[in-house]
Amino acid sequence: MSTDYEDSLSMDALNDRIAILEDNIRQLIEQAAAASGEQSESRIADRLNQQNDELERLRKIRESRQKK
């Protein structure tokens, strides 16, 4: 489900947000590899899931726009 804000983003801005999320995910994966302790790993996993969900949502928005 997209928000009005996301619907108003230009394709360039949408692509920029996707690139930022992809970089965030890469960094979180690196942090997870270096993390020790169940609490740190759980927090990183939660954040990684949030970032992946957001990335998937934005990719769907981009995909629907490209079909128009």
PDB file of N, CA and C in Angstrom:
ATOM      1  N   MET A   1       0.847  -1.176   0.000  1.00  0.00           N
ATOM      2  CA  MET A   1       0.000   0.000   0.000  1.00  0.00           C
ATOM      3  C   MET A   1       0.889   1.233   0.000  1.00  0.00           C
ATOM      4  N   SER A   2       0.740   2.072  -0.956  1.00  0.00           N
ATOM      5  CA  SER A   2       1.578   3.260  -1.043  1.00  0.00           C
ATOM      6  C   SER A   2       0.878   4.446  -0.385  1.00  0.00           C
ATOM      7  N   THR A   3       1.694   5.393   0.026  1.00  0.00           N
ATOM      8  CA  THR A   3       1.154   6.605   0.624  1.00  0.00           C
ATOM      9  C   THR A   3       1.076   7.686  -0.441  1.00  0.00           C
ATOM     10  N   ASP A   4       0.355   8.760  -0.127  1.00  0.00           N
ATOM     11  CA  ASP A   4       0.275   9.880  -1.071  1.00  0.00           C
ATOM     12  C   ASP A   4       1.661  10.421  -1.365  1.00  0.00           C
ATOM     13  N   TYR A   5       2.519  10.454  -0.333  1.00  0.00           N
ATOM     14  CA  TYR A   5       3.879  10.954  -0.520  1.00  0.00           C
ATOM     15  C   TYR A   5       4.622  10.112  -1.551  1.00  0.00           C
ATOM     16  N   GLU A   6       4.527   8.794  -1.435  1.00  0.00           N
ATOM     17  CA  GLU A   6       5.218   7.922  -2.377  1.00  0.00           C
ATOM     18  C   GLU A   6       4.630   8.034  -3.770  1.00  0.00           C
ATOM     19  N   ASP A   7       3.326   8.228  -3.849  1.00  0.00           N
ATOM     20  CA  ASP A   7       2.693   8.392  -5.150  1.00  0.00           C
ATOM     21  C   ASP A   7       3.152   9.676  -5.840  1.00  0.00           C
ATOM     22  N   SER A   8       3.562  10.674  -5.048  1.00  0.00           N
ATOM     23  CA  SER A   8       3.985  11.948  -5.626  1.00  0.00           C
ATOM     24  C   SER A   8       5.476  11.984  -5.952  1.00  0.00           C
ATOM     25  N   LEU A   9       6.221  10.953  -5.572  1.00  0.00           N
ATOM     26  CA  LEU A   9       7.650  10.934  -5.868  1.00  0.00           C
ATOM     27  C   LEU A   9       7.893  10.806  -7.366  1.00  0.00           C
ATOM     28  N   SER A  10       8.901  11.512  -7.842  1.00  0.00           N
ATOM     29  CA  SER A  10       9.295  11.331  -9.233  1.00  0.00           C
ATOM     30  C   SER A  10       9.959   9.964  -9.365  1.00  0.00           C
ATOM     31  N   MET A  11      10.077   9.492 -10.586  1.00  0.00           N
ATOM     32  CA  MET A  11      10.728   8.200 -10.808  1.00  0.00           C
ATOM     33  C   MET A  11      12.176   8.247 -10.319  1.00  0.00           C
ATOM     34  N   ASP A  12      12.852   9.369 -10.512  1.00  0.00           N
ATOM     35  CA  ASP A  12      14.232   9.506 -10.029  1.00  0.00           C
ATOM     36  C   ASP A  12      14.293   9.420  -8.511  1.00  0.00           C
ATOM     37  N   ALA A  13      13.366  10.083  -7.830  1.00  0.00           N
ATOM     38  CA  ALA A  13      13.339  10.051  -6.365  1.00  0.00           C
ATOM     39  C   ALA A  13      13.015   8.642  -5.874  1.00  0.00           C
ATOM     40  N   LEU A  14      12.117   7.964  -6.555  1.00  0.00           N
ATOM     41  CA  LEU A  14      11.775   6.592  -6.200  1.00  0.00           C
ATOM     42  C   LEU A  14      12.992   5.683  -6.373  1.00  0.00           C
ATOM     43  N   ASN A  15      13.696   5.832  -7.482  1.00  0.00           N
ATOM     44  CA  ASN A  15      14.907   5.047  -7.713  1.00  0.00           C
ATOM     45  C   ASN A  15      15.978   5.354  -6.671  1.00  0.00           C
ATOM     46  N   ASP A  16      16.086   6.620  -6.266  1.00  0.00           N
ATOM     47  CA  ASP A  16      17.042   6.991  -5.217  1.00  0.00           C
ATOM     48  C   ASP A  16      16.703   6.316  -3.894  1.00  0.00           C
ATOM     49  N   ARG A  17      15.419   6.300  -3.539  1.00  0.00           N
ATOM     50  CA  ARG A  17      15.002   5.652  -2.289  1.00  0.00           C
ATOM     51  C   ARG A  17      15.270   4.157  -2.339  1.00  0.00           C
ATOM     52  N   ILE A  18      15.049   3.546  -3.486  1.00  0.00           N
ATOM     53  CA  ILE A  18      15.330   2.118  -3.643  1.00  0.00           C
ATOM     54  C   ILE A  18      16.821   1.862  -3.479  1.00  0.00           C
ATOM     55  N   ALA A  19      17.656   2.689  -4.081  1.00  0.00           N
ATOM     56  CA  ALA A  19      19.107   2.526  -3.952  1.00  0.00           C
ATOM     57  C   ALA A  19      19.557   2.683  -2.498  1.00  0.00           C
ATOM     58  N   ILE A  20      18.955   3.630  -1.792  1.00  0.00           N
ATOM     59  CA  ILE A  20      19.297   3.835  -0.378  1.00  0.00           C
ATOM     60  C   ILE A  20      18.912   2.601   0.431  1.00  0.00           C
ATOM     61  N   LEU A  21      17.724   2.065   0.184  1.00  0.00           N
ATOM     62  CA  LEU A  21      17.301   0.863   0.901  1.00  0.00           C
ATOM     63  C   LEU A  21      18.213  -0.317   0.600  1.00  0.00           C
ATOM     64  N   GLU A  22      18.605  -0.470  -0.648  1.00  0.00           N
ATOM     65  CA  GLU A  22      19.518  -1.554  -1.008  1.00  0.00           C
ATOM     66  C   GLU A  22      20.847  -1.414  -0.274  1.00  0.00           C
ATOM     67  N   ASP A  23      21.344  -0.183  -0.160  1.00  0.00           N
ATOM     68  CA  ASP A  23      22.580   0.053   0.580  1.00  0.00           C
ATOM     69  C   ASP A  23      22.389  -0.214   2.068  1.00  0.00           C
ATOM     70  N   ASN A  24      21.256   0.219   2.624  1.00  0.00           N
ATOM     71  CA  ASN A  24      20.966  -0.050   4.035  1.00  0.00           C
ATOM     72  C   ASN A  24      20.950  -1.550   4.303  1.00  0.00           C
ATOM     73  N   ILE A  25      20.330  -2.295   3.411  1.00  0.00           N
ATOM     74  CA  ILE A  25      20.249  -3.745   3.574  1.00  0.00           C
ATOM     75  C   ILE A  25      21.646  -4.352   3.533  1.00  0.00           C
ATOM     76  N   ARG A  26      22.468  -3.901   2.609  1.00  0.00           N
ATOM     77  CA  ARG A  26      23.843  -4.402   2.525  1.00  0.00           C
ATOM     78  C   ARG A  26      24.581  -4.146   3.832  1.00  0.00           C
ATOM     79  N   GLN A  27      24.436  -2.935   4.372  1.00  0.00           N
ATOM     80  CA  GLN A  27      25.101  -2.585   5.625  1.00  0.00           C
ATOM     81  C   GLN A  27      24.577  -3.414   6.797  1.00  0.00           C
ATOM     82  N   LEU A  28      23.265  -3.640   6.826  1.00  0.00           N
ATOM     83  CA  LEU A  28      22.689  -4.449   7.901  1.00  0.00           C
ATOM     84  C   LEU A  28      23.187  -5.889   7.843  1.00  0.00           C
ATOM     85  N   ILE A  29      23.345  -6.418   6.649  1.00  0.00           N
ATOM     86  CA  ILE A  29      23.876  -7.774   6.495  1.00  0.00           C
ATOM     87  C   ILE A  29      25.309  -7.828   7.020  1.00  0.00           C
ATOM     88  N   GLU A  30      26.101  -6.805   6.716  1.00  0.00           N
ATOM     89  CA  GLU A  30      27.467  -6.741   7.238  1.00  0.00           C
ATOM     90  C   GLU A  30      27.457  -6.652   8.765  1.00  0.00           C
ATOM     91  N   GLN A  31      26.564  -5.846   9.316  1.00  0.00           N
ATOM     92  CA  GLN A  31      26.461  -5.726  10.780  1.00  0.00           C
ATOM     93  C   GLN A  31      26.050  -7.050  11.401  1.00  0.00           C
ATOM     94  N   ALA A  32      25.123  -7.737  10.766  1.00  0.00           N
ATOM     95  CA  ALA A  32      24.658  -9.016  11.289  1.00  0.00           C
ATOM     96  C   ALA A  32      25.794 -10.028  11.320  1.00  0.00           C
ATOM     97  N   ALA A  33      26.633  -9.997  10.301  1.00  0.00           N
ATOM     98  CA  ALA A  33      27.764 -10.932  10.253  1.00  0.00           C
ATOM     99  C   ALA A  33      28.757 -10.656  11.378  1.00  0.00           C
ATOM    100  N   ALA A  34      28.873  -9.389  11.766  1.00  0.00           N
ATOM    101  CA  ALA A  34      29.832  -9.009  12.801  1.00  0.00           C
ATOM    102  C   ALA A  34      29.230  -8.992  14.197  1.00  0.00           C
ATOM    103  N   ALA A  35      27.914  -9.059  14.289  1.00  0.00           N
ATOM    104  CA  ALA A  35      27.228  -8.922  15.585  1.00  0.00           C
ATOM    105  C   ALA A  35      27.421 -10.164  16.438  1.00  0.00           C
ATOM    106  N   SER A  36      27.512  -9.909  17.709  1.00  0.00           N
ATOM    107  CA  SER A  36      27.507 -11.022  18.656  1.00  0.00           C
ATOM    108  C   SER A  36      26.470 -10.718  19.713  1.00  0.00           C
ATOM    109  N   GLY A  37      25.789 -11.720  20.129  1.00  0.00           N
ATOM    110  CA  GLY A  37      24.744 -11.536  21.127  1.00  0.00           C
ATOM    111  C   GLY A  37      23.376 -11.614  20.504  1.00  0.00           C
ATOM    112  N   GLU A  38      22.509 -12.342  21.152  1.00  0.00           N
ATOM    113  CA  GLU A  38      21.177 -12.584  20.620  1.00  0.00           C
ATOM    114  C   GLU A  38      20.377 -11.302  20.444  1.00  0.00           C
ATOM    115  N   GLN A  39      20.504 -10.366  21.386  1.00  0.00           N
ATOM    116  CA  GLN A  39      19.727  -9.129  21.314  1.00  0.00           C
ATOM    117  C   GLN A  39      20.155  -8.283  20.108  1.00  0.00           C
ATOM    118  N   SER A  40      21.446  -8.167  19.874  1.00  0.00           N
ATOM    119  CA  SER A  40      21.933  -7.406  18.711  1.00  0.00           C
ATOM    120  C   SER A  40      21.475  -8.050  17.414  1.00  0.00           C
ATOM    121  N   GLU A  41      21.602  -9.359  17.347  1.00  0.00           N
ATOM    122  CA  GLU A  41      21.204 -10.064  16.135  1.00  0.00           C
ATOM    123  C   GLU A  41      19.702  -9.926  15.886  1.00  0.00           C
ATOM    124  N   SER A  42      18.912  -9.989  16.939  1.00  0.00           N
ATOM    125  CA  SER A  42      17.463  -9.851  16.805  1.00  0.00           C
ATOM    126  C   SER A  42      17.084  -8.455  16.327  1.00  0.00           C
ATOM    127  N   ARG A  43      17.726  -7.441  16.890  1.00  0.00           N
ATOM    128  CA  ARG A  43      17.454  -6.058  16.494  1.00  0.00           C
ATOM    129  C   ARG A  43      17.825  -5.838  15.028  1.00  0.00           C
ATOM    130  N   ILE A  44      18.965  -6.364  14.622  1.00  0.00           N
ATOM    131  CA  ILE A  44      19.397  -6.224  13.227  1.00  0.00           C
ATOM    132  C   ILE A  44      18.446  -6.973  12.302  1.00  0.00           C
ATOM    133  N   ALA A  45      18.018  -8.169  12.707  1.00  0.00           N
ATOM    134  CA  ALA A  45      17.094  -8.952  11.883  1.00  0.00           C
ATOM    135  C   ALA A  45      15.763  -8.215  11.713  1.00  0.00           C
ATOM    136  N   ASP A  46      15.276  -7.602  12.793  1.00  0.00           N
ATOM    137  CA  ASP A  46      14.033  -6.828  12.700  1.00  0.00           C
ATOM    138  C   ASP A  46      14.185  -5.665  11.734  1.00  0.00           C
ATOM    139  N   ARG A  47      15.279  -4.955  11.835  1.00  0.00           N
ATOM    140  CA  ARG A  47      15.531  -3.807  10.949  1.00  0.00           C
ATOM    141  C   ARG A  47      15.682  -4.277   9.501  1.00  0.00           C
ATOM    142  N   LEU A  48      16.360  -5.385   9.311  1.00  0.00           N
ATOM    143  CA  LEU A  48      16.545  -5.938   7.975  1.00  0.00           C
ATOM    144  C   LEU A  48      15.200  -6.317   7.361  1.00  0.00           C
ATOM    145  N   ASN A  49      14.322  -6.913   8.141  1.00  0.00           N
ATOM    146  CA  ASN A  49      12.981  -7.251   7.645  1.00  0.00           C
ATOM    147  C   ASN A  49      12.202  -5.999   7.260  1.00  0.00           C
ATOM    148  N   GLN A  50      12.295  -4.953   8.077  1.00  0.00           N
ATOM    149  CA  GLN A  50      11.612  -3.696   7.758  1.00  0.00           C
ATOM    150  C   GLN A  50      12.132  -3.107   6.460  1.00  0.00           C
ATOM    151  N   GLN A  51      13.447  -3.098   6.300  1.00  0.00           N
ATOM    152  CA  GLN A  51      14.052  -2.534   5.093  1.00  0.00           C
ATOM    153  C   GLN A  51      13.656  -3.351   3.861  1.00  0.00           C
ATOM    154  N   ASN A  52      13.650  -4.671   3.991  1.00  0.00           N
ATOM    155  CA  ASN A  52      13.262  -5.522   2.867  1.00  0.00           C
ATOM    156  C   ASN A  52      11.797  -5.312   2.489  1.00  0.00           C
ATOM    157  N   ASP A  53      10.922  -5.174   3.479  1.00  0.00           N
ATOM    158  CA  ASP A  53       9.507  -4.911   3.203  1.00  0.00           C
ATOM    159  C   ASP A  53       9.328  -3.591   2.464  1.00  0.00           C
ATOM    160  N   GLU A  54      10.024  -2.556   2.936  1.00  0.00           N
ATOM    161  CA  GLU A  54       9.948  -1.236   2.296  1.00  0.00           C
ATOM    162  C   GLU A  54      10.493  -1.294   0.872  1.00  0.00           C
ATOM    163  N   LEU A  55      11.602  -2.005   0.683  1.00  0.00           N
ATOM    164  CA  LEU A  55      12.199  -2.142  -0.641  1.00  0.00           C
ATOM    165  C   LEU A  55      11.226  -2.830  -1.589  1.00  0.00           C
ATOM    166  N   GLU A  56      10.610  -3.895  -1.157  1.00  0.00           N
ATOM    167  CA  GLU A  56       9.659  -4.620  -1.993  1.00  0.00           C
ATOM    168  C   GLU A  56       8.476  -3.730  -2.374  1.00  0.00           C
ATOM    169  N   ARG A  57       7.981  -2.973  -1.407  1.00  0.00           N
ATOM    170  CA  ARG A  57       6.849  -2.073  -1.654  1.00  0.00           C
ATOM    171  C   ARG A  57       7.209  -1.006  -2.689  1.00  0.00           C
ATOM    172  N   LEU A  58       8.389  -0.411  -2.552  1.00  0.00           N
ATOM    173  CA  LEU A  58       8.807   0.623  -3.500  1.00  0.00           C
ATOM    174  C   LEU A  58       9.070   0.038  -4.884  1.00  0.00           C
ATOM    175  N   ARG A  59       9.602  -1.162  -4.937  1.00  0.00           N
ATOM    176  CA  ARG A  59       9.819  -1.805  -6.236  1.00  0.00           C
ATOM    177  C   ARG A  59       8.488  -2.056  -6.945  1.00  0.00           C
ATOM    178  N   LYS A  60       7.461  -2.427  -6.181  1.00  0.00           N
ATOM    179  CA  LYS A  60       6.137  -2.643  -6.776  1.00  0.00           C
ATOM    180  C   LYS A  60       5.564  -1.339  -7.318  1.00  0.00           C
ATOM    181  N   ILE A  61       5.759  -0.252  -6.578  1.00  0.00           N
ATOM    182  CA  ILE A  61       5.300   1.056  -7.051  1.00  0.00           C
ATOM    183  C   ILE A  61       6.009   1.415  -8.351  1.00  0.00           C
ATOM    184  N   ARG A  62       7.327   1.230  -8.375  1.00  0.00           N
ATOM    185  CA  ARG A  62       8.106   1.532  -9.573  1.00  0.00           C
ATOM    186  C   ARG A  62       7.642   0.665 -10.743  1.00  0.00           C
ATOM    187  N   GLU A  63       7.439  -0.607 -10.485  1.00  0.00           N
ATOM    188  CA  GLU A  63       7.006  -1.531 -11.527  1.00  0.00           C
ATOM    189  C   GLU A  63       5.654  -1.117 -12.101  1.00  0.00           C
ATOM    190  N   SER A  64       4.719  -0.729 -11.241  1.00  0.00           N
ATOM    191  CA  SER A  64       3.401  -0.330 -11.736  1.00  0.00           C
ATOM    192  C   SER A  64       3.490   0.944 -12.561  1.00  0.00           C
ATOM    193  N   ARG A  65       4.370   1.850 -12.175  1.00  0.00           N
ATOM    194  CA  ARG A  65       4.552   3.096 -12.958  1.00  0.00           C
ATOM    195  C   ARG A  65       5.174   2.804 -14.321  1.00  0.00           C
ATOM    196  N   GLN A  66       6.089   1.861 -14.369  1.00  0.00           N
ATOM    197  CA  GLN A  66       6.757   1.556 -15.627  1.00  0.00           C
ATOM    198  C   GLN A  66       5.802   0.914 -16.627  1.00  0.00           C
ATOM    199  N   LYS A  67       4.754   0.288 -16.118  1.00  0.00           N
ATOM    200  CA  LYS A  67       3.776  -0.352 -16.995  1.00  0.00           C
ATOM    201  C   LYS A  67       2.792   0.633 -17.596  1.00  0.00           C
ATOM    202  N   LYS A  68       2.698   1.815 -16.997  1.00  0.00           N
ATOM    203  CA  LYS A  68       1.736   2.828 -17.467  1.00  0.00           C
ATOM    204  C   LYS A  68       2.177   3.489 -18.738  1.00  0.00           C
TER     205      LYS A  68
END
